[in-house]
Amino acid sequence: MKKREEVGTSRQFRFSMLQGILPIKKEQVPSEVLAGLTLAALAIPEVMGYTKIAGTPVIFGLYTILVPMALFALFGSSRHLVVGADSATAAILAAGLIGLAATGSDEYVALASVLAFLAAGFLILARLIGLGFMADFLSRTVLIGFLTGVGIQVALGQLSGMLGLKGGGHGTLLKVWNDLHQIEQINFYALSIAISVLAIIVGSKVFSKRIPGALIAVVGAITASWAFDLDQHVHVLGPVPGGLPHFGLPGVTWSWELITKLVPTAFAMFIVILAQSAATSRAYAARYNERFSENTDLVGLGLANVGAGLSGTFVVNGSPTKTQMVDSAGGRSQLSMLVTAVTVLVVLLFLTAPLAHMPDAVLAAVVFMIGVELIDVSNMRKIYNERRSEFWVALVTAVTVVLVGVEQGIILAIVLSLLDHVRRGYRPKNSVIVSGADGDWHALPVTQPAQVEPGLMIYRFTHSMYYANSEQLSEQILYLVQNAKPPLECFCIDASAVDDVDFSAAETLRSLHRILEARGVRLVFAEVMDDVESEYREQLESLVEEGAIYPTLEDVVSAYRKDTKAGG
């Protein structure tokens, strides 16, 4: 019996490593294979484009969907999340390494790998100390604004490549200004190539989203470049090394000074990875009524970035675009991602030579389209129409990313999200509760001090009670008591939404109890939450007399009627 139990435990552990793959039906395998091949066809040119954003050699884009993707497929819990290079983290990488090393140099690539290790450290630490909840503190509003800003920055940054200009300058505005000063030097060969690539990508999407327009454009451009010697007229990639990546620690001189320089960038990446990956996993789990573990995904993402660091590439993230690619192609598990990783392995071993003929304008156009797709005009318009105040928050975030930088944008996004959270708790929308003709409870504004029964008022507080909103609690209760007609005999606090009462709020309640008692008003509580009841019942009972905590609002009304009748 003991041996059987040990075997069961072993099996459970082994299968837990494959949460994103198992169980899988045999009849689903062909669809998974097809989806994996489709993802490879669509993602290969995309990740090559991300290297232009990140500032690394093209081949390193393929490395991001080799070891990292396979590790998440094995150790993550989400059946749908696709992990690989991402525009947002690539942009943060480029911004963070400015001034530390020459773009594209061996030192630059090594520092990029160090950042992958640091991001992995933050992700695993987040799992160990339970920081997965931090993903909830980046609101969808600021994320839309942040990604829109990244999209504008990325798209504008590719204009020089599409026009065949030298480019230059740090920051979006300086790059655009530099392009304008060189406008008379436009290479019309490069411009024609870029326009053709854009036309193929857009045209393929018009017919079907499953058509790998970017791959068709890349293959076509490489063929045309080779056939017509376009390298005589435009800049091309040149020789691209094939084979497997070099595995090992980054070739840098490790020091505390180096770590302190890179930690802010790594933390910004961590926040984006945490928020974007969690949001994507949640969306697809809800779509297919599946469970996933945020904690397990944190480990999977951490290991994926360890794999990125060991294979010499840059940080990886959960990608909404790649996830949608797989879903549209019929993939329903991480088996599709393993197929993609194997396909990329074949490309690395046998098919890198043709990449040498690829014009730079091709990748610039591919990246330009990636940036344009990140600009979420529809959702920005929706926010503007529905929540005007949140629109300005999203707009400020986007403008900050474009004008100041990606790192500053993500920091601002975090700050604004936290301020929004504090604002909602600081001034909760409380109400007065009355019984309607239909017998149900109805909420009225606090400005309307209505009574359930003559002399009885019910007040609902809609947030935890803590130091920041305790003043509002006191002001509203005193307002209601002073303006009650007829004068109150009993004041009930509906605590159904209160999950915590801190020391400051408790002191405020004690003071209110004394004031109400002096006015001849009895203070009672109702609908105390179960978890609060077990933890704070003694605290609440210390605030009021015995029997002043009722299970339901109906019990409060019944007891008041009984007392009134007895008193009458």
Protein backbone atom coordinates (compact mmCIF):
# COMPACT_ATOMS: atom_id res chain seq x y z
CA MET A 1 0.00 0.00 0.00
CA LYS A 2 2.81 2.33 0.85
CA LYS A 3 4.56 1.61 -2.45
CA ARG A 4 1.37 2.38 -4.37
CA GLU A 5 0.99 5.70 -2.57
CA GLU A 6 4.56 6.68 -3.44
CA VAL A 7 3.97 5.84 -7.09
CA GLY A 8 0.79 7.92 -7.08
CA THR A 9 2.64 10.88 -5.62
CA SER A 10 5.38 10.54 -8.22
CA ARG A 11 2.88 10.42 -11.03
CA GLN A 12 1.03 13.41 -9.67
CA PHE A 13 4.25 15.41 -9.57
CA ARG A 14 5.24 14.35 -13.04
CA PHE A 15 1.89 15.21 -14.54
CA SER A 16 1.79 18.55 -12.72
CA MET A 17 4.76 19.61 -14.88
CA LEU A 18 2.56 19.20 -17.95
CA GLN A 19 -0.52 21.10 -16.82
CA GLY A 20 -0.63 23.05 -20.08
CA ILE A 21 -0.57 19.88 -22.21
CA LEU A 22 -2.40 17.10 -20.35
CA PRO A 23 -4.96 15.76 -20.72
CA ILE A 24 -5.04 15.73 -24.51
CA LYS A 25 -7.27 13.72 -26.86
CA LYS A 26 -5.72 11.81 -29.75
CA GLU A 27 -8.09 13.40 -32.24
CA GLN A 28 -6.85 16.85 -31.15
CA VAL A 29 -3.17 16.13 -31.93
CA PRO A 30 -3.37 16.94 -35.70
CA SER A 31 -4.93 20.33 -34.90
CA GLU A 32 -2.18 21.02 -32.36
CA VAL A 33 0.51 20.17 -34.90
CA LEU A 34 -1.08 22.39 -37.56
CA ALA A 35 -1.46 25.25 -35.06
CA GLY A 36 2.21 24.89 -34.06
CA LEU A 37 3.34 25.06 -37.68
CA THR A 38 1.08 28.07 -38.27
CA LEU A 39 2.53 29.84 -35.23
CA ALA A 40 6.06 29.19 -36.49
CA ALA A 41 5.18 30.63 -39.90
CA LEU A 42 3.67 33.75 -38.36
CA ALA A 43 5.99 34.21 -35.39
CA ILE A 44 9.40 33.76 -37.06
CA PRO A 45 9.27 37.04 -39.01
CA GLU A 46 7.59 38.71 -36.02
CA VAL A 47 10.34 37.82 -33.53
CA MET A 48 12.97 38.77 -36.08
CA GLY A 49 11.27 42.14 -36.14
CA TYR A 50 11.41 42.37 -32.36
CA THR A 51 15.20 42.16 -32.55
CA LYS A 52 15.14 45.55 -34.30
CA ILE A 53 13.24 46.93 -31.33
CA ALA A 54 15.50 45.21 -28.79
CA GLY A 55 18.71 46.10 -30.65
CA THR A 56 20.05 42.52 -30.92
CA PRO A 57 21.12 40.49 -33.97
CA VAL A 58 18.25 38.91 -35.91
CA ILE A 59 19.09 35.31 -34.99
CA PHE A 60 18.43 36.05 -31.32
CA GLY A 61 14.74 36.50 -32.11
CA LEU A 62 14.57 32.83 -33.11
CA TYR A 63 16.30 31.87 -29.88
CA THR A 64 13.39 33.40 -27.91
CA ILE A 65 10.98 30.79 -29.29
CA LEU A 66 13.30 27.83 -28.88
CA VAL A 67 14.25 27.06 -25.26
CA PRO A 68 12.02 29.65 -23.48
CA MET A 69 8.85 28.59 -25.29
CA ALA A 70 9.55 24.90 -24.62
CA LEU A 71 10.21 25.52 -20.91
CA PHE A 72 6.94 27.36 -20.39
CA ALA A 73 5.06 24.69 -22.32
CA LEU A 74 6.44 22.09 -19.89
CA PHE A 75 6.19 24.01 -16.60
CA GLY A 76 3.38 26.55 -17.06
CA SER A 77 -0.27 25.90 -16.25
CA SER A 78 -2.05 27.94 -18.95
CA ARG A 79 -3.01 25.78 -21.93
CA HIS A 80 -3.10 28.79 -24.23
CA LEU A 81 -0.48 31.40 -23.25
CA VAL A 82 2.33 31.64 -25.82
CA VAL A 83 5.69 32.83 -24.48
CA GLY A 84 8.29 34.53 -26.64
CA ALA A 85 9.72 37.91 -27.60
CA ASP A 86 7.31 40.80 -27.10
CA SER A 87 7.30 44.39 -28.33
CA ALA A 88 6.70 45.97 -24.91
CA THR A 89 9.55 44.20 -23.10
CA ALA A 90 11.81 44.59 -26.15
CA ALA A 91 11.21 48.35 -26.06
CA ILE A 92 11.94 48.47 -22.31
CA LEU A 93 15.14 46.50 -22.95
CA ALA A 94 16.36 48.95 -25.58
CA ALA A 95 15.55 51.95 -23.40
CA GLY A 96 17.29 50.42 -20.37
CA LEU A 97 20.55 49.59 -22.15
CA ILE A 98 21.05 53.00 -23.78
CA GLY A 99 24.49 54.24 -22.80
CA LEU A 100 25.60 50.95 -21.24
CA ALA A 101 26.82 49.28 -24.45
CA ALA A 102 26.79 49.73 -28.20
CA THR A 103 23.56 48.43 -29.71
CA GLY A 104 24.01 44.96 -31.19
CA SER A 105 27.50 44.43 -29.72
CA ASP A 106 28.53 41.32 -27.80
CA GLU A 107 28.46 43.33 -24.58
CA TYR A 108 24.95 44.57 -25.39
CA VAL A 109 23.70 41.01 -26.03
CA ALA A 110 25.32 39.82 -22.79
CA LEU A 111 23.61 42.59 -20.81
CA ALA A 112 20.30 41.65 -22.45
CA SER A 113 20.77 38.09 -21.16
CA VAL A 114 21.56 39.43 -17.68
CA LEU A 115 18.25 41.31 -17.78
CA ALA A 116 16.49 38.02 -18.63
CA PHE A 117 18.04 36.43 -15.51
CA LEU A 118 17.03 39.40 -13.33
CA ALA A 119 13.46 39.34 -14.67
CA ALA A 120 13.39 35.59 -13.95
CA GLY A 121 14.55 36.31 -10.40
CA PHE A 122 11.70 38.79 -9.86
CA LEU A 123 9.16 36.30 -11.25
CA ILE A 124 10.33 33.42 -9.06
CA LEU A 125 10.57 35.72 -6.02
CA ALA A 126 7.02 36.85 -6.73
CA ARG A 127 5.93 33.23 -6.63
CA LEU A 128 7.80 32.51 -3.39
CA ILE A 129 6.38 35.47 -1.46
CA GLY A 130 2.95 35.44 -3.10
CA LEU A 131 3.13 38.63 -5.19
CA GLY A 132 0.99 37.29 -8.02
CA PHE A 133 -1.75 39.68 -6.90
CA MET A 134 0.36 42.58 -8.20
CA ALA A 135 -0.95 41.80 -11.66
CA ASP A 136 -4.29 43.14 -10.50
CA PHE A 137 -2.84 46.60 -9.80
CA LEU A 138 -2.23 47.48 -13.42
CA SER A 139 -5.63 48.55 -14.63
CA ARG A 140 -6.76 47.71 -18.15
CA THR A 141 -7.03 51.44 -18.81
CA VAL A 142 -3.37 52.21 -18.19
CA LEU A 143 -2.28 49.03 -19.98
CA ILE A 144 -4.18 50.15 -23.09
CA GLY A 145 -2.53 53.56 -22.84
CA PHE A 146 0.90 52.03 -22.24
CA LEU A 147 0.70 49.61 -25.18
CA THR A 148 -0.68 52.36 -27.41
CA GLY A 149 2.31 54.53 -26.52
CA VAL A 150 4.68 51.62 -27.18
CA GLY A 151 2.98 51.07 -30.54
CA ILE A 152 3.41 54.72 -31.57
CA GLN A 153 7.03 54.70 -30.44
CA VAL A 154 7.81 51.45 -32.27
CA ALA A 155 6.06 52.50 -35.49
CA LEU A 156 7.73 55.93 -35.64
CA GLY A 157 11.10 54.33 -34.87
CA GLN A 158 10.91 52.23 -38.06
CA LEU A 159 10.38 55.12 -40.48
CA SER A 160 14.12 55.51 -41.11
CA GLY A 161 14.48 51.81 -41.99
CA MET A 162 11.48 51.89 -44.33
CA LEU A 163 12.81 55.02 -46.06
CA GLY A 164 16.36 53.69 -46.31
CA LEU A 165 17.77 56.47 -44.11
CA LYS A 166 20.63 56.19 -41.64
CA GLY A 167 18.48 57.02 -38.68
CA GLY A 168 19.84 58.26 -35.38
CA GLY A 169 18.96 60.08 -32.22
CA HIS A 170 17.69 58.85 -28.87
CA GLY A 171 14.00 59.16 -28.15
CA THR A 172 11.04 59.14 -30.49
CA LEU A 173 10.95 62.86 -31.26
CA LEU A 174 14.68 63.07 -31.99
CA LYS A 175 14.46 60.07 -34.32
CA VAL A 176 11.57 61.62 -36.24
CA TRP A 177 13.39 64.98 -36.35
CA ASN A 178 16.50 63.27 -37.71
CA ASP A 179 14.42 61.50 -40.38
CA LEU A 180 12.89 64.80 -41.46
CA HIS A 181 16.36 66.33 -41.88
CA GLN A 182 17.37 63.45 -44.16
CA ILE A 183 14.13 63.30 -46.12
CA GLU A 184 15.84 64.26 -49.42
CA GLN A 185 18.05 61.15 -49.09
CA ILE A 186 15.20 58.65 -49.32
CA ASN A 187 16.16 55.34 -50.89
CA PHE A 188 13.25 54.59 -53.21
CA TYR A 189 14.28 50.94 -53.51
CA ALA A 190 13.88 50.55 -49.74
CA LEU A 191 10.62 52.52 -49.77
CA SER A 192 9.20 50.34 -52.56
CA ILE A 193 10.17 47.18 -50.68
CA ALA A 194 8.58 48.46 -47.46
CA ILE A 195 5.34 49.44 -49.22
CA SER A 196 5.18 46.02 -50.91
CA VAL A 197 5.66 44.23 -47.57
CA LEU A 198 2.94 46.34 -45.94
CA ALA A 199 0.58 45.67 -48.86
CA ILE A 200 1.13 41.90 -48.60
CA ILE A 201 0.62 41.84 -44.81
CA VAL A 202 -2.51 43.99 -44.91
CA GLY A 203 -3.88 42.22 -47.98
CA SER A 204 -3.45 38.76 -46.46
CA LYS A 205 -5.36 39.85 -43.35
CA VAL A 206 -8.24 41.04 -45.53
CA PHE A 207 -8.61 37.56 -47.02
CA SER A 208 -7.90 35.52 -43.86
CA LYS A 209 -6.11 36.05 -40.56
CA ARG A 210 -4.63 32.58 -40.91
CA ILE A 211 -2.61 33.53 -44.00
CA PRO A 212 1.02 34.16 -42.88
CA GLY A 213 1.30 37.48 -44.68
CA ALA A 214 4.52 38.48 -42.91
CA LEU A 215 6.17 35.16 -43.80
CA ILE A 216 5.05 35.44 -47.43
CA ALA A 217 6.44 38.99 -47.58
CA VAL A 218 9.75 37.93 -46.01
CA VAL A 219 10.21 34.91 -48.31
CA GLY A 220 9.22 36.97 -51.36
CA ALA A 221 11.60 39.81 -50.45
CA ILE A 222 14.50 37.41 -49.83
CA THR A 223 13.85 35.70 -53.18
CA ALA A 224 13.63 39.02 -55.04
CA SER A 225 16.75 40.32 -53.31
CA TRP A 226 18.72 37.22 -54.29
CA ALA A 227 17.37 37.11 -57.85
CA PHE A 228 17.85 40.79 -58.67
CA ASP A 229 20.93 41.60 -56.56
CA LEU A 230 19.04 44.15 -54.50
CA ASP A 231 21.95 44.26 -52.06
CA GLN A 232 23.52 46.63 -54.61
CA HIS A 233 20.77 49.17 -53.89
CA VAL A 234 19.61 48.53 -50.31
CA HIS A 235 21.18 47.42 -47.05
CA VAL A 236 20.66 43.70 -46.28
CA LEU A 237 21.15 41.64 -43.13
CA GLY A 238 24.25 39.84 -44.32
CA PRO A 239 25.41 36.43 -43.07
CA VAL A 240 23.23 35.03 -40.26
CA PRO A 241 24.83 32.35 -38.07
CA GLY A 242 22.96 29.05 -37.93
CA GLY A 243 23.00 26.21 -35.46
CA LEU A 244 22.09 26.12 -31.80
CA PRO A 245 22.64 29.06 -29.46
CA HIS A 246 25.63 29.10 -27.12
CA PHE A 247 24.48 27.91 -23.71
CA GLY A 248 26.01 29.38 -20.58
CA LEU A 249 26.10 32.42 -18.33
CA PRO A 250 26.39 35.85 -19.98
CA GLY A 251 29.97 36.98 -20.57
CA VAL A 252 29.93 40.01 -18.27
CA THR A 253 31.91 41.09 -15.24
CA TRP A 254 29.38 40.48 -12.49
CA SER A 255 29.30 43.23 -9.89
CA TRP A 256 26.88 44.89 -7.53
CA GLU A 257 27.22 48.11 -9.55
CA LEU A 258 26.11 46.32 -12.72
CA ILE A 259 23.12 44.75 -10.97
CA THR A 260 21.96 48.08 -9.52
CA LYS A 261 22.11 49.65 -13.00
CA LEU A 262 19.97 46.90 -14.51
CA VAL A 263 17.48 46.22 -11.69
CA PRO A 264 15.10 49.14 -12.53
CA THR A 265 14.83 47.95 -16.15
CA ALA A 266 14.35 44.33 -15.04
CA PHE A 267 11.65 45.38 -12.58
CA ALA A 268 9.79 47.31 -15.29
CA MET A 269 9.96 44.18 -17.47
CA PHE A 270 8.71 42.07 -14.55
CA ILE A 271 5.66 44.29 -14.09
CA VAL A 272 4.77 44.13 -17.80
CA ILE A 273 5.31 40.35 -17.90
CA LEU A 274 3.21 39.85 -14.78
CA ALA A 275 0.31 42.01 -15.91
CA GLN A 276 0.24 41.07 -19.60
CA SER A 277 0.72 37.34 -19.10
CA ALA A 278 -1.84 37.08 -16.30
CA ALA A 279 -4.41 39.07 -18.27
CA THR A 280 -3.94 36.89 -21.36
CA SER A 281 -4.08 33.62 -19.41
CA ARG A 282 -7.22 34.72 -17.58
CA ALA A 283 -8.97 35.75 -20.78
CA TYR A 284 -8.41 32.42 -22.54
CA ALA A 285 -9.11 30.34 -19.43
CA ALA A 286 -12.46 32.13 -19.11
CA ARG A 287 -13.17 31.66 -22.84
CA TYR A 288 -12.79 27.87 -22.56
CA ASN A 289 -13.97 27.47 -18.96
CA GLU A 290 -10.59 26.14 -17.84
CA ARG A 291 -8.55 26.51 -14.68
CA PHE A 292 -5.05 27.84 -14.51
CA SER A 293 -2.68 28.70 -11.68
CA GLU A 294 -1.11 32.16 -11.65
CA ASN A 295 1.55 30.85 -9.26
CA THR A 296 2.46 27.99 -11.58
CA ASP A 297 2.60 30.40 -14.52
CA LEU A 298 4.99 32.62 -12.55
CA VAL A 299 7.33 29.67 -12.18
CA GLY A 300 6.92 28.79 -15.88
CA LEU A 301 7.64 32.39 -16.93
CA GLY A 302 10.61 32.53 -14.56
CA LEU A 303 12.09 29.31 -15.99
CA ALA A 304 11.42 30.55 -19.53
CA ASN A 305 13.51 33.65 -18.82
CA VAL A 306 16.22 31.55 -17.18
CA GLY A 307 16.26 29.58 -20.44
CA ALA A 308 16.48 32.87 -22.37
CA GLY A 309 19.46 33.98 -20.27
CA LEU A 310 21.25 30.63 -20.60
CA SER A 311 20.71 30.53 -24.38
CA GLY A 312 22.08 34.06 -24.77
CA THR A 313 18.90 35.81 -25.84
CA PHE A 314 16.71 38.50 -24.32
CA VAL A 315 13.69 38.54 -22.04
CA VAL A 316 10.47 36.74 -23.02
CA ASN A 317 6.88 37.47 -22.13
CA GLY A 318 3.40 36.07 -22.53
CA SER A 319 2.31 37.38 -25.93
CA PRO A 320 -1.37 38.23 -26.61
CA THR A 321 -0.74 38.34 -30.40
CA LYS A 322 0.95 34.93 -30.58
CA THR A 323 -1.68 33.45 -28.26
CA GLN A 324 -4.39 34.65 -30.62
CA MET A 325 -2.46 33.19 -33.58
CA VAL A 326 -2.53 29.72 -32.01
CA ASP A 327 -6.14 29.99 -30.94
CA SER A 328 -7.26 31.04 -34.42
CA ALA A 329 -5.34 28.09 -35.89
CA GLY A 330 -7.14 25.61 -33.63
CA GLY A 331 -4.49 25.04 -30.96
CA ARG A 332 -5.89 24.28 -27.52
CA SER A 333 -2.81 23.25 -25.52
CA GLN A 334 0.90 23.84 -25.07
CA LEU A 335 1.58 20.92 -27.44
CA SER A 336 1.26 23.49 -30.25
CA MET A 337 4.10 25.49 -28.69
CA LEU A 338 6.35 22.42 -28.53
CA VAL A 339 5.70 21.86 -32.25
CA THR A 340 6.66 25.51 -32.88
CA ALA A 341 9.90 25.10 -30.90
CA VAL A 342 10.84 22.00 -32.93
CA THR A 343 10.08 23.87 -36.18
CA VAL A 344 12.33 26.75 -35.13
CA LEU A 345 15.04 24.22 -34.29
CA VAL A 346 14.88 22.93 -37.88
CA VAL A 347 15.09 26.50 -39.22
CA LEU A 348 18.14 27.24 -37.04
CA LEU A 349 19.93 24.11 -38.18
CA PHE A 350 19.22 24.21 -41.90
CA LEU A 351 17.50 27.40 -43.12
CA THR A 352 19.36 30.50 -41.86
CA ALA A 353 21.56 31.03 -44.96
CA PRO A 354 18.81 32.67 -47.08
CA LEU A 355 18.26 35.31 -44.36
CA ALA A 356 21.50 37.00 -45.45
CA HIS A 357 19.67 38.42 -48.50
CA MET A 358 16.85 40.02 -46.51
CA PRO A 359 16.68 43.85 -46.96
CA ASP A 360 16.54 45.83 -43.71
CA ALA A 361 13.45 47.57 -45.08
CA VAL A 362 11.54 44.27 -44.83
CA LEU A 363 12.01 43.92 -41.09
CA ALA A 364 11.36 47.64 -40.62
CA ALA A 365 7.99 47.23 -42.37
CA VAL A 366 7.14 44.11 -40.33
CA VAL A 367 7.95 45.93 -37.08
CA PHE A 368 6.05 49.00 -38.27
CA MET A 369 2.92 46.84 -38.63
CA ILE A 370 3.51 45.36 -35.16
CA GLY A 371 3.60 48.88 -33.76
CA VAL A 372 0.48 49.96 -35.64
CA GLU A 373 -1.44 46.94 -34.33
CA LEU A 374 -0.49 47.89 -30.77
CA ILE A 375 -2.15 51.31 -31.17
CA ASP A 376 -5.56 50.49 -29.70
CA VAL A 377 -7.68 53.28 -31.16
CA SER A 378 -10.98 51.40 -30.73
CA ASN A 379 -10.49 50.83 -27.01
CA MET A 380 -9.17 54.36 -26.48
CA ARG A 381 -12.32 55.67 -28.14
CA LYS A 382 -14.43 53.32 -26.00
CA ILE A 383 -12.77 54.55 -22.81
CA TYR A 384 -13.32 58.15 -23.93
CA ASN A 385 -17.03 57.54 -24.47
CA GLU A 386 -17.63 55.53 -21.30
CA ARG A 387 -15.12 56.80 -18.70
CA ARG A 388 -13.77 60.22 -19.63
CA SER A 389 -11.54 60.50 -16.53
CA GLU A 390 -9.91 57.12 -17.25
CA PHE A 391 -9.32 58.15 -20.87
CA TRP A 392 -7.11 61.03 -19.75
CA VAL A 393 -5.14 58.61 -17.57
CA ALA A 394 -4.60 56.30 -20.57
CA LEU A 395 -3.67 59.25 -22.79
CA VAL A 396 -1.13 60.64 -20.29
CA THR A 397 0.44 57.17 -20.05
CA ALA A 398 0.68 56.87 -23.85
CA VAL A 399 2.15 60.37 -24.25
CA THR A 400 4.71 59.67 -21.50
CA VAL A 401 5.89 56.52 -23.28
CA VAL A 402 6.24 58.38 -26.60
CA LEU A 403 7.82 61.59 -25.32
CA VAL A 404 9.81 60.44 -22.28
CA GLY A 405 10.43 56.69 -22.49
CA VAL A 406 9.08 53.20 -22.02
CA GLU A 407 10.49 52.71 -18.52
CA GLN A 408 9.04 56.01 -17.34
CA GLY A 409 5.75 55.05 -18.97
CA ILE A 410 5.45 51.75 -17.11
CA ILE A 411 6.39 53.43 -13.81
CA LEU A 412 3.72 56.05 -14.43
CA ALA A 413 1.26 53.28 -15.32
CA ILE A 414 1.93 51.59 -11.96
CA VAL A 415 1.60 54.85 -10.04
CA LEU A 416 -1.62 55.84 -11.79
CA SER A 417 -3.12 52.38 -11.25
CA LEU A 418 -2.30 52.51 -7.54
CA LEU A 419 -3.68 56.03 -7.24
CA ASP A 420 -6.88 54.88 -8.94
CA HIS A 421 -7.11 51.99 -6.50
CA VAL A 422 -6.59 54.30 -3.51
CA ARG A 423 -9.10 56.79 -4.91
CA ARG A 424 -11.81 54.14 -5.13
CA GLY A 425 -11.19 53.08 -1.54
CA TYR A 426 -10.67 56.59 -0.23
CA ARG A 427 -14.08 57.84 -1.34
CA PRO A 428 -16.32 54.78 -1.69
CA LYS A 429 -19.86 55.28 -2.99
CA ASN A 430 -21.88 54.53 0.12
CA SER A 431 -25.65 54.61 0.30
CA VAL A 432 -28.81 54.61 2.40
CA ILE A 433 -30.83 51.38 2.20
CA VAL A 434 -34.63 51.34 2.07
CA SER A 435 -37.25 48.69 1.47
CA GLY A 436 -39.21 49.08 -1.77
CA ALA A 437 -42.82 48.23 -2.56
CA ASP A 438 -41.57 45.00 -4.18
CA GLY A 439 -40.10 43.89 -0.85
CA ASP A 440 -36.50 44.18 -2.07
CA TRP A 441 -33.79 46.43 -0.68
CA HIS A 442 -32.90 49.54 -2.68
CA ALA A 443 -29.93 51.91 -2.41
CA LEU A 444 -30.33 55.69 -2.29
CA PRO A 445 -27.66 58.41 -2.28
CA VAL A 446 -26.41 59.50 1.11
CA THR A 447 -27.84 62.93 0.32
CA GLN A 448 -31.30 61.40 0.75
CA PRO A 449 -31.54 60.40 4.45
CA ALA A 450 -34.52 58.06 4.03
CA GLN A 451 -35.63 55.73 6.84
CA VAL A 452 -36.73 52.10 6.68
CA GLU A 453 -39.03 52.63 9.61
CA PRO A 454 -39.70 55.89 11.43
CA GLY A 455 -36.65 56.23 13.65
CA LEU A 456 -34.60 53.50 11.90
CA MET A 457 -31.99 54.20 9.19
CA ILE A 458 -29.72 51.71 7.42
CA TYR A 459 -26.42 52.90 6.00
CA ARG A 460 -24.30 50.72 3.71
CA PHE A 461 -20.53 51.22 3.68
CA THR A 462 -19.09 49.73 0.47
CA HIS A 463 -15.40 49.30 1.28
CA SER A 464 -13.09 48.12 4.04
CA MET A 465 -12.89 50.67 6.84
CA TYR A 466 -9.41 52.10 7.20
CA TYR A 467 -7.60 55.29 8.08
CA ALA A 468 -8.08 56.96 4.67
CA ASN A 469 -11.88 56.70 4.54
CA SER A 470 -12.67 56.84 8.26
CA GLU A 471 -13.25 60.61 8.03
CA GLN A 472 -15.81 60.09 5.27
CA LEU A 473 -17.48 57.41 7.41
CA SER A 474 -17.80 59.85 10.31
CA GLU A 475 -18.99 62.78 8.18
CA GLN A 476 -21.68 60.81 6.38
CA ILE A 477 -23.09 59.16 9.51
CA LEU A 478 -23.26 62.46 11.40
CA TYR A 479 -24.89 64.12 8.37
CA LEU A 480 -27.53 61.40 8.19
CA VAL A 481 -28.25 61.52 11.91
CA GLN A 482 -28.50 65.31 12.00
CA ASN A 483 -30.81 65.50 8.98
CA ALA A 484 -33.06 62.59 9.87
CA LYS A 485 -36.76 63.39 10.10
CA PRO A 486 -38.19 62.15 12.38
CA PRO A 487 -35.20 61.93 14.76
CA LEU A 488 -33.51 58.52 14.81
CA GLU A 489 -33.71 55.94 17.54
CA CYS A 490 -31.56 53.33 15.82
CA PHE A 491 -28.77 53.61 13.24
CA CYS A 492 -27.69 50.41 11.44
CA ILE A 493 -24.43 50.00 9.50
CA ASP A 494 -24.76 47.41 6.74
CA ALA A 495 -21.30 45.79 6.83
CA SER A 496 -21.87 43.31 3.98
CA ALA A 497 -19.05 44.91 1.94
CA VAL A 498 -16.66 45.52 4.84
CA ASP A 499 -13.84 42.99 4.93
CA ASP A 500 -11.52 44.83 7.33
CA VAL A 501 -11.58 47.44 10.07
CA ASP A 502 -8.21 48.97 10.99
CA PHE A 503 -7.30 50.72 14.23
CA SER A 504 -8.12 54.25 12.95
CA ALA A 505 -11.54 53.18 11.69
CA ALA A 506 -12.26 51.35 14.96
CA GLU A 507 -11.46 54.51 16.91
CA THR A 508 -13.76 56.48 14.59
CA LEU A 509 -16.57 53.98 15.26
CA ARG A 510 -16.02 54.27 19.02
CA SER A 511 -16.27 58.05 18.78
CA LEU A 512 -19.43 57.78 16.67
CA HIS A 513 -20.94 55.35 19.15
CA ARG A 514 -20.40 57.84 21.98
CA ILE A 515 -21.89 60.72 19.95
CA LEU A 516 -24.92 58.68 18.89
CA GLU A 517 -25.42 57.37 22.40
CA ALA A 518 -25.47 60.96 23.70
CA ARG A 519 -28.20 61.71 21.13
CA GLY A 520 -30.20 58.70 22.22
CA VAL A 521 -29.47 56.77 19.03
CA ARG A 522 -28.58 53.09 19.23
CA LEU A 523 -25.74 51.93 16.88
CA VAL A 524 -26.02 48.40 15.45
CA PHE A 525 -24.34 46.34 12.73
CA ALA A 526 -25.78 43.85 10.24
CA GLU A 527 -24.58 41.50 7.51
CA VAL A 528 -21.08 41.14 8.97
CA MET A 529 -19.01 39.00 6.57
CA ASP A 530 -18.06 35.53 7.81
CA ASP A 531 -14.31 36.04 7.63
CA VAL A 532 -14.65 39.43 9.30
CA GLU A 533 -17.01 37.98 11.88
CA SER A 534 -14.44 35.43 13.02
CA GLU A 535 -11.58 37.94 13.10
CA TYR A 536 -13.26 41.13 14.24
CA ARG A 537 -16.43 40.11 16.03
CA GLU A 538 -14.88 40.78 19.42
CA GLN A 539 -13.66 44.13 18.16
CA LEU A 540 -17.11 45.10 16.89
CA GLU A 541 -18.79 43.86 20.05
CA SER A 542 -16.44 46.05 22.04
CA LEU A 543 -17.75 49.05 20.10
CA VAL A 544 -21.44 48.46 20.87
CA GLU A 545 -23.56 46.83 23.52
CA GLU A 546 -24.41 43.14 23.57
CA GLY A 547 -26.88 42.01 20.92
CA ALA A 548 -26.15 44.91 18.56
CA ILE A 549 -24.82 42.71 15.74
CA TYR A 550 -27.55 41.15 13.58
CA PRO A 551 -27.21 38.46 10.90
CA THR A 552 -29.43 40.22 8.32
CA LEU A 553 -31.13 43.55 7.66
CA GLU A 554 -34.49 41.84 8.06
CA ASP A 555 -33.47 40.86 11.60
CA VAL A 556 -32.65 44.49 12.37
CA VAL A 557 -36.05 45.67 11.13
CA SER A 558 -37.90 42.91 13.00
CA ALA A 559 -36.07 43.64 16.26
CA TYR A 560 -36.70 47.38 15.89
CA ARG A 561 -40.41 46.83 15.26
CA LYS A 562 -40.60 44.55 18.28
CA ASP A 563 -38.80 47.06 20.52
CA THR A 564 -40.94 49.92 19.23
CA LYS A 565 -44.13 47.97 19.84
CA ALA A 566 -42.98 46.97 23.30
CA GLY A 567 -41.98 50.51 24.09
CA GLY A 568 -45.29 51.86 22.75
